[in-house]
């Protein structure tokens, strides 16, 4: 199975990815705290999305 890793850097004070209206939003990160490694994940039929807490980036697996 071929999967492509994509990264989206965020410049806001939180990390949020929009999904379909009926699906949940990604978590909001508290910038006053230090995060290490994986801090959030969302899985649907075709995409696995996770948040890298060290880099403050979203990664998408298709």
Protein backbone atom coordinates (compact mmCIF):
# COMPACT_ATOMS: atom_id res chain seq x y z
CA UNK A 1 0.00 0.00 0.00
CA UNK A 2 1.56 3.33 -1.08
CA UNK A 3 1.04 6.15 1.38
CA UNK A 4 2.23 9.71 1.04
CA UNK A 5 3.31 11.78 4.05
CA UNK A 6 2.39 15.46 3.87
CA UNK A 7 3.19 18.18 6.39
CA UNK A 8 1.31 21.41 7.07
CA UNK A 9 3.09 23.93 9.26
CA UNK A 10 0.91 26.07 11.48
CA UNK A 11 1.55 29.68 12.37
CA UNK A 12 -1.45 30.26 14.65
CA UNK A 13 -1.43 29.76 18.42
CA UNK A 14 -3.27 26.47 17.95
CA UNK A 15 -3.30 23.50 15.60
CA UNK A 16 -6.64 22.78 13.95
CA UNK A 17 -7.58 20.94 10.76
CA UNK A 18 -11.05 21.30 9.23
CA UNK A 19 -12.86 18.08 8.41
CA UNK A 20 -16.41 17.52 7.19
CA UNK A 21 -19.00 19.31 9.31
CA UNK A 22 -20.22 16.13 10.99
CA UNK A 23 -16.72 15.05 12.03
CA UNK A 24 -14.77 16.32 15.07
CA UNK A 25 -12.08 19.01 14.99
CA UNK A 26 -8.48 18.33 15.96
CA UNK A 27 -7.38 19.26 19.45
CA UNK A 28 -6.21 22.73 20.42
CA UNK A 29 -2.67 22.93 21.81
CA UNK A 30 -1.93 25.02 24.90
CA UNK A 31 1.18 27.02 23.95
CA UNK A 32 2.13 27.46 27.62
CA UNK A 33 2.92 23.73 27.84
CA UNK A 34 5.69 21.65 26.31
CA UNK A 35 4.57 18.72 24.16
CA UNK A 36 6.72 15.75 23.25
CA UNK A 37 5.94 13.44 20.35
CA UNK A 38 2.41 12.58 19.30
CA UNK A 39 -0.26 14.79 20.90
CA UNK A 40 -3.27 14.11 18.69
CA UNK A 41 -4.55 11.66 16.09
CA UNK A 42 -7.61 11.38 13.84
CA UNK A 43 -8.46 8.38 11.68
CA UNK A 44 -11.10 8.21 8.96
CA UNK A 45 -11.66 5.90 5.98
CA UNK A 46 -8.87 7.30 3.80
CA UNK A 47 -6.67 9.52 5.98
CA UNK A 48 -4.69 9.19 9.19
CA UNK A 49 -3.79 12.58 10.67
CA UNK A 50 -1.51 13.17 13.64
CA UNK A 51 0.01 16.18 15.40
CA UNK A 52 3.73 16.26 16.14
CA UNK A 53 3.97 18.16 19.43
CA UNK A 54 7.67 18.95 19.09
CA UNK A 55 7.31 20.66 15.71
CA UNK A 56 3.70 21.86 16.02
CA UNK A 57 2.88 20.35 12.63
CA UNK A 58 0.08 18.22 11.21
CA UNK A 59 1.01 15.16 9.17
CA UNK A 60 -1.40 13.41 6.80
CA UNK A 61 -1.14 9.79 5.63
CA UNK A 62 -3.24 9.02 2.53
